[in-house]
């Protein structure tokens, strides 16, 4: 299994809302993708400009297929255009 932690920091409050809305759409759709073990988004309780997407995938093939979906491409583009994202990837 693979775990990904995607940390996001917004450029402004408006940017945070746009990015978080896209992350919620991505989360809802990704939970239905084949090989998805877990997928959720968490807004920081201490910082108004930060959220994290936490993903667990069965294998690299499932993750690769997920990254090719239209919703992934569209939502990640929105997220990236509204702040900075940092990715951590772990084999489990």
PDB file of N, CA and C in Angstrom:
ATOM      1  N   UNK A   1       0.831  -1.186   0.000  1.00  0.00           N
ATOM      2  CA  UNK A   1       0.000   0.000   0.000  1.00  0.00           C
ATOM      3  C   UNK A   1       0.872   1.245   0.000  1.00  0.00           C
ATOM      4  N   UNK A   2       0.299   2.317  -0.488  1.00  0.00           N
ATOM      5  CA  UNK A   2       0.980   3.603  -0.552  1.00  0.00           C
ATOM      6  C   UNK A   2       0.168   4.652   0.202  1.00  0.00           C
ATOM      7  N   UNK A   3       0.860   5.495   0.944  1.00  0.00           N
ATOM      8  CA  UNK A   3       0.215   6.602   1.651  1.00  0.00           C
ATOM      9  C   UNK A   3       0.783   7.900   1.093  1.00  0.00           C
ATOM     10  N   UNK A   4      -0.100   8.844   0.788  1.00  0.00           N
ATOM     11  CA  UNK A   4       0.306  10.166   0.352  1.00  0.00           C
ATOM     12  C   UNK A   4      -0.307  11.196   1.273  1.00  0.00           C
ATOM     13  N   UNK A   5       0.505  12.123   1.714  1.00  0.00           N
ATOM     14  CA  UNK A   5       0.051  13.286   2.473  1.00  0.00           C
ATOM     15  C   UNK A   5       0.353  14.507   1.622  1.00  0.00           C
ATOM     16  N   UNK A   6      -0.684  15.197   1.204  1.00  0.00           N
ATOM     17  CA  UNK A   6      -0.536  16.378   0.354  1.00  0.00           C
ATOM     18  C   UNK A   6      -0.891  17.605   1.194  1.00  0.00           C
ATOM     19  N   UNK A   7       0.109  18.392   1.528  1.00  0.00           N
ATOM     20  CA  UNK A   7      -0.085  19.580   2.346  1.00  0.00           C
ATOM     21  C   UNK A   7      -0.272  20.793   1.439  1.00  0.00           C
ATOM     22  N   UNK A   8      -1.250  21.624   1.757  1.00  0.00           N
ATOM     23  CA  UNK A   8      -1.553  22.802   0.952  1.00  0.00           C
ATOM     24  C   UNK A   8      -1.553  24.048   1.832  1.00  0.00           C
ATOM     25  N   UNK A   9      -0.934  25.117   1.313  1.00  0.00           N
ATOM     26  CA  UNK A   9      -0.942  26.425   1.974  1.00  0.00           C
ATOM     27  C   UNK A   9      -1.428  27.452   0.964  1.00  0.00           C
ATOM     28  N   UNK A  10      -2.522  28.136   1.299  1.00  0.00           N
ATOM     29  CA  UNK A  10      -3.152  29.098   0.398  1.00  0.00           C
ATOM     30  C   UNK A  10      -2.426  30.433   0.387  1.00  0.00           C
ATOM     31  N   UNK A  11      -2.607  31.156  -0.712  1.00  0.00           N
ATOM     32  CA  UNK A  11      -2.040  32.493  -0.845  1.00  0.00           C
ATOM     33  C   UNK A  11      -2.920  33.541  -0.158  1.00  0.00           C
ATOM     34  N   UNK A  12      -4.225  33.241  -0.013  1.00  0.00           N
ATOM     35  CA  UNK A  12      -5.166  34.171   0.631  1.00  0.00           C
ATOM     36  C   UNK A  12      -6.388  33.382   1.087  1.00  0.00           C
ATOM     37  N   UNK A  13      -7.280  34.040   1.824  1.00  0.00           N
ATOM     38  CA  UNK A  13      -8.503  33.380   2.288  1.00  0.00           C
ATOM     39  C   UNK A  13      -9.374  32.959   1.106  1.00  0.00           C
ATOM     40  N   UNK A  14      -9.459  33.806   0.103  1.00  0.00           N
ATOM     41  CA  UNK A  14     -10.239  33.476  -1.093  1.00  0.00           C
ATOM     42  C   UNK A  14      -9.641  32.272  -1.809  1.00  0.00           C
ATOM     43  N   UNK A  15      -8.324  32.249  -1.909  1.00  0.00           N
ATOM     44  CA  UNK A  15      -7.647  31.124  -2.545  1.00  0.00           C
ATOM     45  C   UNK A  15      -7.851  29.829  -1.749  1.00  0.00           C
ATOM     46  N   UNK A  16      -7.871  29.949  -0.429  1.00  0.00           N
ATOM     47  CA  UNK A  16      -8.081  28.777   0.412  1.00  0.00           C
ATOM     48  C   UNK A  16      -9.439  28.152   0.101  1.00  0.00           C
ATOM     49  N   UNK A  17     -10.475  28.964   0.037  1.00  0.00           N
ATOM     50  CA  UNK A  17     -11.817  28.445  -0.234  1.00  0.00           C
ATOM     51  C   UNK A  17     -11.873  27.749  -1.589  1.00  0.00           C
ATOM     52  N   UNK A  18     -11.320  28.352  -2.614  1.00  0.00           N
ATOM     53  CA  UNK A  18     -11.317  27.744  -3.953  1.00  0.00           C
ATOM     54  C   UNK A  18     -10.597  26.402  -3.932  1.00  0.00           C
ATOM     55  N   UNK A  19      -9.431  26.361  -3.295  1.00  0.00           N
ATOM     56  CA  UNK A  19      -8.648  25.136  -3.252  1.00  0.00           C
ATOM     57  C   UNK A  19      -9.330  24.066  -2.416  1.00  0.00           C
ATOM     58  N   UNK A  20      -9.881  24.447  -1.273  1.00  0.00           N
ATOM     59  CA  UNK A  20     -10.560  23.468  -0.414  1.00  0.00           C
ATOM     60  C   UNK A  20     -11.805  22.910  -1.102  1.00  0.00           C
ATOM     61  N   UNK A  21     -12.545  23.750  -1.797  1.00  0.00           N
ATOM     62  CA  UNK A  21     -13.710  23.264  -2.545  1.00  0.00           C
ATOM     63  C   UNK A  21     -13.283  22.229  -3.589  1.00  0.00           C
ATOM     64  N   UNK A  22     -12.195  22.490  -4.293  1.00  0.00           N
ATOM     65  CA  UNK A  22     -11.681  21.532  -5.280  1.00  0.00           C
ATOM     66  C   UNK A  22     -11.209  20.249  -4.595  1.00  0.00           C
ATOM     67  N   UNK A  23     -10.579  20.381  -3.443  1.00  0.00           N
ATOM     68  CA  UNK A  23     -10.110  19.202  -2.699  1.00  0.00           C
ATOM     69  C   UNK A  23     -11.281  18.345  -2.241  1.00  0.00           C
ATOM     70  N   UNK A  24     -12.378  18.963  -1.859  1.00  0.00           N
ATOM     71  CA  UNK A  24     -13.570  18.213  -1.447  1.00  0.00           C
ATOM     72  C   UNK A  24     -14.168  17.443  -2.613  1.00  0.00           C
ATOM     73  N   UNK A  25     -14.236  18.075  -3.782  1.00  0.00           N
ATOM     74  CA  UNK A  25     -14.731  17.392  -4.983  1.00  0.00           C
ATOM     75  C   UNK A  25     -13.817  16.220  -5.311  1.00  0.00           C
ATOM     76  N   UNK A  26     -12.510  16.466  -5.294  1.00  0.00           N
ATOM     77  CA  UNK A  26     -11.545  15.411  -5.595  1.00  0.00           C
ATOM     78  C   UNK A  26     -11.670  14.262  -4.603  1.00  0.00           C
ATOM     79  N   UNK A  27     -11.856  14.575  -3.347  1.00  0.00           N
ATOM     80  CA  UNK A  27     -11.984  13.539  -2.318  1.00  0.00           C
ATOM     81  C   UNK A  27     -13.213  12.676  -2.579  1.00  0.00           C
ATOM     82  N   UNK A  28     -14.335  13.313  -2.817  1.00  0.00           N
ATOM     83  CA  UNK A  28     -15.579  12.567  -3.045  1.00  0.00           C
ATOM     84  C   UNK A  28     -15.444  11.604  -4.234  1.00  0.00           C
ATOM     85  N   UNK A  29     -14.867  12.082  -5.315  1.00  0.00           N
ATOM     86  CA  UNK A  29     -14.736  11.246  -6.512  1.00  0.00           C
ATOM     87  C   UNK A  29     -13.647  10.193  -6.349  1.00  0.00           C
ATOM     88  N   UNK A  30     -12.548  10.544  -5.691  1.00  0.00           N
ATOM     89  CA  UNK A  30     -11.420   9.624  -5.542  1.00  0.00           C
ATOM     90  C   UNK A  30     -11.762   8.437  -4.655  1.00  0.00           C
ATOM     91  N   UNK A  31     -12.640   8.642  -3.680  1.00  0.00           N
ATOM     92  CA  UNK A  31     -13.032   7.545  -2.798  1.00  0.00           C
ATOM     93  C   UNK A  31     -13.678   6.396  -3.570  1.00  0.00           C
ATOM     94  N   UNK A  32     -14.165   6.678  -4.770  1.00  0.00           N
ATOM     95  CA  UNK A  32     -14.811   5.661  -5.605  1.00  0.00           C
ATOM     96  C   UNK A  32     -13.860   5.017  -6.603  1.00  0.00           C
ATOM     97  N   UNK A  33     -12.630   5.510  -6.678  1.00  0.00           N
ATOM     98  CA  UNK A  33     -11.676   4.960  -7.649  1.00  0.00           C
ATOM     99  C   UNK A  33     -11.189   3.584  -7.216  1.00  0.00           C
ATOM    100  N   UNK A  34     -11.011   2.724  -8.198  1.00  0.00           N
ATOM    101  CA  UNK A  34     -10.499   1.378  -7.925  1.00  0.00           C
ATOM    102  C   UNK A  34      -9.127   1.473  -7.259  1.00  0.00           C
ATOM    103  N   UNK A  35      -8.949   0.717  -6.201  1.00  0.00           N
ATOM    104  CA  UNK A  35      -7.672   0.688  -5.493  1.00  0.00           C
ATOM    105  C   UNK A  35      -7.551   1.719  -4.391  1.00  0.00           C
ATOM    106  N   UNK A  36      -8.566   2.576  -4.230  1.00  0.00           N
ATOM    107  CA  UNK A  36      -8.539   3.568  -3.157  1.00  0.00           C
ATOM    108  C   UNK A  36      -8.915   2.882  -1.850  1.00  0.00           C
ATOM    109  N   UNK A  37      -7.996   2.929  -0.890  1.00  0.00           N
ATOM    110  CA  UNK A  37      -8.240   2.358   0.427  1.00  0.00           C
ATOM    111  C   UNK A  37      -8.839   3.434   1.338  1.00  0.00           C
ATOM    112  N   UNK A  38      -8.308   4.633   1.258  1.00  0.00           N
ATOM    113  CA  UNK A  38      -8.803   5.765   2.052  1.00  0.00           C
ATOM    114  C   UNK A  38      -8.407   7.063   1.356  1.00  0.00           C
ATOM    115  N   UNK A  39      -9.256   8.068   1.511  1.00  0.00           N
ATOM    116  CA  UNK A  39      -8.998   9.377   0.877  1.00  0.00           C
ATOM    117  C   UNK A  39      -9.816  10.402   1.638  1.00  0.00           C
ATOM    118  N   UNK A  40      -9.171  11.413   2.186  1.00  0.00           N
ATOM    119  CA  UNK A  40      -9.898  12.435   2.936  1.00  0.00           C
ATOM    120  C   UNK A  40      -9.119  13.735   2.931  1.00  0.00           C
ATOM    121  N   UNK A  41      -9.807  14.811   3.229  1.00  0.00           N
ATOM    122  CA  UNK A  41      -9.186  16.133   3.319  1.00  0.00           C
ATOM    123  C   UNK A  41      -9.445  16.680   4.718  1.00  0.00           C
ATOM    124  N   UNK A  42      -8.419  17.303   5.304  1.00  0.00           N
ATOM    125  CA  UNK A  42      -8.489  17.815   6.665  1.00  0.00           C
ATOM    126  C   UNK A  42      -8.047  19.277   6.681  1.00  0.00           C
ATOM    127  N   UNK A  43      -8.932  20.166   7.109  1.00  0.00           N
ATOM    128  CA  UNK A  43      -8.582  21.575   7.265  1.00  0.00           C
ATOM    129  C   UNK A  43      -7.936  21.770   8.632  1.00  0.00           C
ATOM    130  N   UNK A  44      -6.879  22.550   8.669  1.00  0.00           N
ATOM    131  CA  UNK A  44      -6.192  22.833   9.923  1.00  0.00           C
ATOM    132  C   UNK A  44      -7.121  23.541  10.898  1.00  0.00           C
ATOM    133  N   UNK A  45      -7.011  23.188  12.150  1.00  0.00           N
ATOM    134  CA  UNK A  45      -7.790  23.847  13.195  1.00  0.00           C
ATOM    135  C   UNK A  45      -7.027  25.016  13.815  1.00  0.00           C
ATOM    136  N   UNK A  46      -5.756  25.162  13.440  1.00  0.00           N
ATOM    137  CA  UNK A  46      -4.930  26.226  14.011  1.00  0.00           C
ATOM    138  C   UNK A  46      -4.462  27.250  12.982  1.00  0.00           C
ATOM    139  N   UNK A  47      -4.592  26.929  11.692  1.00  0.00           N
ATOM    140  CA  UNK A  47      -4.176  27.843  10.630  1.00  0.00           C
ATOM    141  C   UNK A  47      -5.272  27.933   9.589  1.00  0.00           C
ATOM    142  N   UNK A  48      -5.693  29.130   9.271  1.00  0.00           N
ATOM    143  CA  UNK A  48      -6.797  29.341   8.333  1.00  0.00           C
ATOM    144  C   UNK A  48      -6.391  29.203   6.871  1.00  0.00           C
ATOM    145  N   UNK A  49      -5.120  28.939   6.605  1.00  0.00           N
ATOM    146  CA  UNK A  49      -4.642  28.872   5.224  1.00  0.00           C
ATOM    147  C   UNK A  49      -4.080  27.501   4.841  1.00  0.00           C
ATOM    148  N   UNK A  50      -4.322  26.480   5.677  1.00  0.00           N
ATOM    149  CA  UNK A  50      -3.689  25.171   5.465  1.00  0.00           C
ATOM    150  C   UNK A  50      -4.713  24.044   5.512  1.00  0.00           C
ATOM    151  N   UNK A  51      -4.577  23.096   4.569  1.00  0.00           N
ATOM    152  CA  UNK A  51      -5.298  21.826   4.667  1.00  0.00           C
ATOM    153  C   UNK A  51      -4.393  20.713   4.178  1.00  0.00           C
ATOM    154  N   UNK A  52      -4.822  19.468   4.424  1.00  0.00           N
ATOM    155  CA  UNK A  52      -4.057  18.298   4.013  1.00  0.00           C
ATOM    156  C   UNK A  52      -5.001  17.283   3.391  1.00  0.00           C
ATOM    157  N   UNK A  53      -4.575  16.695   2.292  1.00  0.00           N
ATOM    158  CA  UNK A  53      -5.269  15.555   1.708  1.00  0.00           C
ATOM    159  C   UNK A  53      -4.455  14.327   2.080  1.00  0.00           C
ATOM    160  N   UNK A  54      -5.115  13.345   2.656  1.00  0.00           N
ATOM    161  CA  UNK A  54      -4.460  12.108   3.070  1.00  0.00           C
ATOM    162  C   UNK A  54      -5.050  10.975   2.229  1.00  0.00           C
ATOM    163  N   UNK A  55      -4.183  10.269   1.499  1.00  0.00           N
ATOM    164  CA  UNK A  55      -4.631   9.223   0.588  1.00  0.00           C
ATOM    165  C   UNK A  55      -3.916   7.911   0.910  1.00  0.00           C
ATOM    166  N   UNK A  56      -4.627   6.795   0.762  1.00  0.00           N
ATOM    167  CA  UNK A  56      -4.018   5.469   0.832  1.00  0.00           C
ATOM    168  C   UNK A  56      -4.503   4.683  -0.381  1.00  0.00           C
ATOM    169  N   UNK A  57      -3.535   4.114  -1.101  1.00  0.00           N
ATOM    170  CA  UNK A  57      -3.824   3.366  -2.327  1.00  0.00           C
ATOM    171  C   UNK A  57      -3.309   1.941  -2.203  1.00  0.00           C
ATOM    172  N   UNK A  58      -4.022   1.026  -2.852  1.00  0.00           N
ATOM    173  CA  UNK A  58      -3.664  -0.393  -2.831  1.00  0.00           C
ATOM    174  C   UNK A  58      -2.271  -0.617  -3.394  1.00  0.00           C
ATOM    175  N   UNK A  59      -1.961   0.079  -4.490  1.00  0.00           N
ATOM    176  CA  UNK A  59      -0.666  -0.113  -5.148  1.00  0.00           C
ATOM    177  C   UNK A  59      -0.387   1.067  -6.086  1.00  0.00           C
ATOM    178  N   UNK A  60       0.812   1.079  -6.650  1.00  0.00           N
ATOM    179  CA  UNK A  60       1.229   2.166  -7.542  1.00  0.00           C
ATOM    180  C   UNK A  60       0.358   2.235  -8.788  1.00  0.00           C
ATOM    181  N   UNK A  61      -0.059   1.092  -9.303  1.00  0.00           N
ATOM    182  CA  UNK A  61      -0.902   1.068 -10.493  1.00  0.00           C
ATOM    183  C   UNK A  61      -2.229   1.807 -10.245  1.00  0.00           C
ATOM    184  N   UNK A  62      -2.832   1.579  -9.081  1.00  0.00           N
ATOM    185  CA  UNK A  62      -4.080   2.275  -8.736  1.00  0.00           C
ATOM    186  C   UNK A  62      -3.859   3.776  -8.631  1.00  0.00           C
ATOM    187  N   UNK A  63      -2.755   4.172  -8.011  1.00  0.00           N
ATOM    188  CA  UNK A  63      -2.426   5.590  -7.883  1.00  0.00           C
ATOM    189  C   UNK A  63      -2.195   6.219  -9.256  1.00  0.00           C
ATOM    190  N   UNK A  64      -1.493   5.511 -10.125  1.00  0.00           N
ATOM    191  CA  UNK A  64      -1.237   6.031 -11.473  1.00  0.00           C
ATOM    192  C   UNK A  64      -2.536   6.228 -12.252  1.00  0.00           C
ATOM    193  N   UNK A  65      -3.456   5.283 -12.150  1.00  0.00           N
ATOM    194  CA  UNK A  65      -4.752   5.415 -12.836  1.00  0.00           C
ATOM    195  C   UNK A  65      -5.536   6.607 -12.280  1.00  0.00           C
ATOM    196  N   UNK A  66      -5.505   6.765 -10.972  1.00  0.00           N
ATOM    197  CA  UNK A  66      -6.170   7.895 -10.320  1.00  0.00           C
ATOM    198  C   UNK A  66      -5.632   9.225 -10.862  1.00  0.00           C
ATOM    199  N   UNK A  67      -4.314   9.316 -11.012  1.00  0.00           N
ATOM    200  CA  UNK A  67      -3.681  10.556 -11.463  1.00  0.00           C
ATOM    201  C   UNK A  67      -4.002  10.891 -12.918  1.00  0.00           C
ATOM    202  N   UNK A  68      -4.554   9.946 -13.656  1.00  0.00           N
ATOM    203  CA  UNK A  68      -4.911  10.186 -15.058  1.00  0.00           C
ATOM    204  C   UNK A  68      -6.381  10.541 -15.251  1.00  0.00           C
ATOM    205  N   UNK A  69      -7.156  10.558 -14.177  1.00  0.00           N
ATOM    206  CA  UNK A  69      -8.586  10.853 -14.310  1.00  0.00           C
ATOM    207  C   UNK A  69      -8.809  12.346 -14.558  1.00  0.00           C
ATOM    208  N   UNK A  70      -9.879  12.668 -15.269  1.00  0.00           N
ATOM    209  CA  UNK A  70     -10.178  14.085 -15.525  1.00  0.00           C
ATOM    210  C   UNK A  70     -10.369  14.893 -14.251  1.00  0.00           C
ATOM    211  N   UNK A  71     -11.046  14.315 -13.245  1.00  0.00           N
ATOM    212  CA  UNK A  71     -11.283  15.056 -12.015  1.00  0.00           C
ATOM    213  C   UNK A  71      -9.986  15.333 -11.263  1.00  0.00           C
ATOM    214  N   UNK A  72      -9.050  14.406 -11.297  1.00  0.00           N
ATOM    215  CA  UNK A  72      -7.755  14.636 -10.653  1.00  0.00           C
ATOM    216  C   UNK A  72      -7.052  15.811 -11.331  1.00  0.00           C
ATOM    217  N   UNK A  73      -6.957  15.746 -12.645  1.00  0.00           N
ATOM    218  CA  UNK A  73      -6.257  16.802 -13.376  1.00  0.00           C
ATOM    219  C   UNK A  73      -6.903  18.170 -13.153  1.00  0.00           C
ATOM    220  N   UNK A  74      -8.226  18.218 -13.216  1.00  0.00           N
ATOM    221  CA  UNK A  74      -8.937  19.492 -13.051  1.00  0.00           C
ATOM    222  C   UNK A  74      -8.787  20.037 -11.628  1.00  0.00           C
ATOM    223  N   UNK A  75      -9.018  19.191 -10.640  1.00  0.00           N
ATOM    224  CA  UNK A  75      -8.976  19.655  -9.249  1.00  0.00           C
ATOM    225  C   UNK A  75      -7.560  20.023  -8.814  1.00  0.00           C
ATOM    226  N   UNK A  76      -6.575  19.243  -9.212  1.00  0.00           N
ATOM    227  CA  UNK A  76      -5.193  19.552  -8.837  1.00  0.00           C
ATOM    228  C   UNK A  76      -4.739  20.860  -9.484  1.00  0.00           C
ATOM    229  N   UNK A  77      -5.199  21.114 -10.686  1.00  0.00           N
ATOM    230  CA  UNK A  77      -4.866  22.392 -11.336  1.00  0.00           C
ATOM    231  C   UNK A  77      -5.435  23.564 -10.529  1.00  0.00           C
ATOM    232  N   UNK A  78      -6.663  23.433 -10.073  1.00  0.00           N
ATOM    233  CA  UNK A  78      -7.287  24.486  -9.257  1.00  0.00           C
ATOM    234  C   UNK A  78      -6.509  24.655  -7.953  1.00  0.00           C
ATOM    235  N   UNK A  79      -6.213  23.550  -7.297  1.00  0.00           N
ATOM    236  CA  UNK A  79      -5.485  23.610  -6.025  1.00  0.00           C
ATOM    237  C   UNK A  79      -4.123  24.286  -6.224  1.00  0.00           C
ATOM    238  N   UNK A  80      -3.382  23.834  -7.216  1.00  0.00           N
ATOM    239  CA  UNK A  80      -2.045  24.397  -7.458  1.00  0.00           C
ATOM    240  C   UNK A  80      -2.080  25.870  -7.843  1.00  0.00           C
ATOM    241  N   UNK A  81      -3.145  26.322  -8.463  1.00  0.00           N
ATOM    242  CA  UNK A  81      -3.215  27.721  -8.892  1.00  0.00           C
ATOM    243  C   UNK A  81      -3.599  28.659  -7.740  1.00  0.00           C
ATOM    244  N   UNK A  82      -3.884  28.092  -6.575  1.00  0.00           N
ATOM    245  CA  UNK A  82      -4.313  28.904  -5.436  1.00  0.00           C
ATOM    246  C   UNK A  82      -3.375  28.855  -4.246  1.00  0.00           C
ATOM    247  N   UNK A  83      -2.235  28.241  -4.403  1.00  0.00           N
ATOM    248  CA  UNK A  83      -1.269  28.173  -3.303  1.00  0.00           C
ATOM    249  C   UNK A  83      -0.159  27.186  -3.594  1.00  0.00           C
ATOM    250  N   UNK A  84       0.465  26.742  -2.540  1.00  0.00           N
ATOM    251  CA  UNK A  84       1.586  25.808  -2.657  1.00  0.00           C
ATOM    252  C   UNK A  84       1.208  24.451  -2.081  1.00  0.00           C
ATOM    253  N   UNK A  85       1.593  23.386  -2.792  1.00  0.00           N
ATOM    254  CA  UNK A  85       1.317  22.044  -2.324  1.00  0.00           C
ATOM    255  C   UNK A  85       2.627  21.272  -2.188  1.00  0.00           C
ATOM    256  N   UNK A  86       2.735  20.520  -1.107  1.00  0.00           N
ATOM    257  CA  UNK A  86       3.897  19.687  -0.854  1.00  0.00           C
ATOM    258  C   UNK A  86       3.400  18.247  -0.672  1.00  0.00           C
ATOM    259  N   UNK A  87       4.067  17.299  -1.304  1.00  0.00           N
ATOM    260  CA  UNK A  87       3.650  15.903  -1.276  1.00  0.00           C
ATOM    261  C   UNK A  87       4.666  15.049  -0.521  1.00  0.00           C
ATOM    262  N   UNK A  88       4.163  14.200   0.368  1.00  0.00           N
ATOM    263  CA  UNK A  88       4.966  13.178   1.033  1.00  0.00           C
ATOM    264  C   UNK A  88       4.383  11.826   0.647  1.00  0.00           C
ATOM    265  N   UNK A  89       5.242  10.887   0.269  1.00  0.00           N
ATOM    266  CA  UNK A  89       4.793   9.567  -0.169  1.00  0.00           C
ATOM    267  C   UNK A  89       5.514   8.496   0.635  1.00  0.00           C
ATOM    268  N   UNK A  90       4.742   7.522   1.126  1.00  0.00           N
ATOM    269  CA  UNK A  90       5.297   6.456   1.956  1.00  0.00           C
ATOM    270  C   UNK A  90       4.807   5.099   1.476  1.00  0.00           C
ATOM    271  N   UNK A  91       5.672   4.118   1.457  1.00  0.00           N
ATOM    272  CA  UNK A  91       5.271   2.738   1.241  1.00  0.00           C
ATOM    273  C   UNK A  91       4.849   2.166   2.589  1.00  0.00           C
ATOM    274  N   UNK A  92       3.754   1.431   2.596  1.00  0.00           N
ATOM    275  CA  UNK A  92       3.276   0.866   3.855  1.00  0.00           C
ATOM    276  C   UNK A  92       3.377  -0.657   3.797  1.00  0.00           C
TER     277      UNK A  92
END
